[in-house]
Every structure is written in C-alpha cells, then in structure tokens.
Amino acid sequence: MFKRIVFATDGSEHALKAQGYAKNLSELHKAKLFIVHAYPSMSDLLGFKEYSTIATHRIANGQKVLDEALKAFNGTGIEVETELMEGPTAEAILRVAEARKADLVILGARGLSPITGLLLGSVSQKILQHAPCPVLVVR
C-alpha cells in the first residue's frame, strides 16, 4: 500500500516514537523512506558577521539529527534517503512529500519548537491540513 514514506524528525521524544512507526511501516510495505529534518531559515541573518558561524552550526546540528535517525535503519534493508532542508518546518516537510510523491507522512505530535498548538504541535496541524497524502501523527 505505501511505497514512499516521508518521516519528519527533529530529534524530539515524539519524533523518536514516530521513528518506530516509520521503521515498522517501511519494513512491512517494503517502502522507500525519506527522512527529513528542517532547520530555521537564515535569510534574516544575512549581513551579520556571525552568519557563517550560525549557518555552519545549524547545518551541523541538522545533519546530526538526520544521522541519529538514520542509525535506527541500519541493517534493516529499508531504502533510505535523507533530506536536510532550510526553512519553516511544515513547508519543508510538505515540499519533500510533494517532490517525492509520498504515500504517507509520519511525524511526532509535538516537536522541539517553543510554539505549540492546543492539542497538536503547530507543525503537525499544518501538515495534517496541507499534505498531499495521508498523515500519521504519533504521540
């Protein structure tokens, strides 16, 4: 049923729970998995002398989140690609889901963002409203 799954992670507790679902469903359906992490946009920092340091730090932290997630899929036989994106998290996840023609998006109910929705995180809510495919939100 699912051939292309997008798993969004920020390394949070909810994302780690969602990772288990991504692993199980990818194995069950022999689906290709796209692991995506988005770091905050840096366009508003252009011109600051610390821009290069901040950019390097954000990219390195994002890659660390992806590398940690990728470890869970070693030896599983699941075909995995990672996507490190800059920009608002929900928009980045939606871009990947659209570009990769995802059959399913999996993400945690809440992430590391200090701004949260009432019942679900604001990113989860936006993904649920705009995703081009079914969405699994894990608590």
Protein backbone atom coordinates (compact mmCIF):
# COMPACT_ATOMS: atom_id res chain seq x y z
CA MET A 1 0.00 0.00 0.00
CA PHE A 2 2.72 2.51 0.95
CA LYS A 3 5.70 2.72 -1.42
CA ARG A 4 7.17 6.12 -0.48
CA ILE A 5 7.10 7.30 3.13
CA VAL A 6 8.32 10.64 4.46
CA PHE A 7 9.42 10.62 8.09
CA ALA A 8 9.98 14.07 9.61
CA THR A 9 12.25 14.32 12.62
CA ASP A 10 13.64 16.96 14.92
CA GLY A 11 15.13 14.50 17.40
CA SER A 12 12.39 15.12 19.99
CA GLU A 13 10.74 12.44 22.12
CA HIS A 14 7.67 12.40 19.86
CA ALA A 15 9.86 12.14 16.77
CA LEU A 16 11.64 9.13 18.26
CA LYS A 17 8.28 7.45 18.82
CA ALA A 18 7.27 8.27 15.23
CA GLN A 19 10.57 6.78 14.04
CA GLY A 20 9.43 3.36 15.28
CA TYR A 21 6.31 3.61 13.17
CA ALA A 22 8.33 4.75 10.16
CA LYS A 23 10.63 1.76 10.57
CA ASN A 24 7.82 -0.78 11.01
CA LEU A 25 5.68 0.53 8.17
CA SER A 26 8.64 0.81 5.80
CA GLU A 27 9.63 -2.78 6.53
CA LEU A 28 6.06 -4.06 6.28
CA HIS A 29 5.35 -2.37 2.95
CA LYS A 30 8.92 -2.54 1.59
CA ALA A 31 8.62 1.21 1.11
CA LYS A 32 11.35 3.69 0.35
CA LEU A 33 11.83 6.05 3.28
CA PHE A 34 12.72 9.73 3.11
CA ILE A 35 13.91 11.12 6.44
CA VAL A 36 13.59 14.90 6.54
CA HIS A 37 14.81 17.49 9.01
CA ALA A 38 14.34 21.24 8.61
CA TYR A 39 16.38 23.89 10.37
CA PRO A 40 15.23 27.50 10.77
CA SER A 41 15.59 29.85 7.83
CA MET A 42 18.63 32.07 7.98
CA SER A 43 17.70 34.69 5.40
CA ASP A 44 17.01 37.26 8.13
CA LEU A 45 20.60 36.84 9.35
CA LEU A 46 22.23 37.80 6.05
CA GLY A 47 24.70 40.61 6.54
CA PHE A 48 25.55 39.72 10.14
CA LYS A 49 29.20 38.87 10.64
CA GLU A 50 28.20 35.75 12.61
CA TYR A 51 26.11 34.45 9.70
CA SER A 52 28.68 31.89 8.58
CA THR A 53 29.15 30.53 12.11
CA ILE A 54 25.41 30.30 12.71
CA ALA A 55 24.81 28.65 9.33
CA THR A 56 27.55 26.09 9.94
CA HIS A 57 26.14 25.35 13.40
CA ARG A 58 22.55 24.92 12.19
CA ILE A 59 23.56 22.68 9.29
CA ALA A 60 25.80 20.55 11.54
CA ASN A 61 23.04 20.18 14.14
CA GLY A 62 20.53 19.25 11.43
CA GLN A 63 22.90 16.67 9.99
CA LYS A 64 23.41 15.24 13.47
CA VAL A 65 19.62 14.79 13.87
CA LEU A 66 19.48 13.00 10.50
CA ASP A 67 22.50 10.82 11.30
CA GLU A 68 20.95 9.75 14.61
CA ALA A 69 17.68 8.85 12.89
CA LEU A 70 19.50 7.00 10.11
CA LYS A 71 21.22 4.72 12.66
CA ALA A 72 17.86 3.15 13.50
CA PHE A 73 17.53 1.94 9.90
CA ASN A 74 20.99 0.37 9.52
CA GLY A 75 20.76 -3.29 8.66
CA THR A 76 17.01 -3.23 8.05
CA GLY A 77 17.17 -3.44 4.27
CA ILE A 78 14.98 -0.34 4.02
CA GLU A 79 15.98 2.01 1.21
CA VAL A 80 16.54 5.37 2.93
CA GLU A 81 17.33 8.87 1.72
CA THR A 82 17.85 11.88 3.98
CA GLU A 83 16.80 15.45 3.28
CA LEU A 84 18.23 18.40 5.20
CA MET A 85 16.13 21.46 4.45
CA GLU A 86 16.25 25.13 5.39
CA GLY A 87 13.05 26.99 6.08
CA PRO A 88 9.86 26.74 8.02
CA THR A 89 9.50 23.13 9.15
CA ALA A 90 5.98 22.40 7.92
CA GLU A 91 6.64 23.91 4.49
CA ALA A 92 9.86 21.92 4.14
CA ILE A 93 8.14 18.65 5.02
CA LEU A 94 5.31 19.41 2.59
CA ARG A 95 7.82 20.21 -0.18
CA VAL A 96 9.55 16.86 0.34
CA ALA A 97 6.24 14.97 0.46
CA GLU A 98 5.17 16.59 -2.80
CA ALA A 99 8.52 16.25 -4.59
CA ARG A 100 8.98 12.61 -3.56
CA LYS A 101 5.35 11.73 -4.31
CA ALA A 102 4.87 10.37 -0.80
CA ASP A 103 2.11 7.90 0.01
CA LEU A 104 2.40 8.69 3.74
CA VAL A 105 3.94 11.30 6.04
CA ILE A 106 4.90 10.28 9.58
CA LEU A 107 5.78 12.76 12.31
CA GLY A 108 5.55 13.32 16.03
CA ALA A 109 2.65 15.18 17.60
CA ARG A 110 4.93 17.76 19.15
CA GLY A 111 8.48 18.74 18.45
CA LEU A 112 11.17 20.90 19.97
CA SER A 113 9.59 24.20 18.93
CA PRO A 114 8.63 26.51 21.80
CA ILE A 115 5.48 27.47 19.89
CA THR A 116 2.86 24.73 20.12
CA GLY A 117 -0.75 24.29 19.17
CA LEU A 118 -3.52 23.50 21.61
CA LEU A 119 -3.79 19.74 21.05
CA LEU A 120 -1.10 19.08 18.47
CA GLY A 121 2.04 20.97 17.61
CA SER A 122 1.65 23.75 15.06
CA VAL A 123 3.78 21.82 12.53
CA SER A 124 1.61 18.72 12.90
CA GLN A 125 -1.53 20.76 12.39
CA LYS A 126 -0.21 22.38 9.23
CA ILE A 127 0.93 19.04 7.79
CA LEU A 128 -2.48 17.50 8.51
CA GLN A 129 -4.20 20.37 6.71
CA HIS A 130 -1.98 20.56 3.63
CA ALA A 131 -0.31 17.20 2.98
CA PRO A 132 -0.88 15.63 -0.44
CA CYS A 133 -1.25 12.19 1.19
CA PRO A 134 -2.31 10.51 4.45
CA VAL A 135 -0.51 11.66 7.60
CA LEU A 136 0.32 9.61 10.70
CA VAL A 137 0.86 11.79 13.78
CA VAL A 138 2.41 9.88 16.67
CA ARG A 139 2.01 10.82 20.34
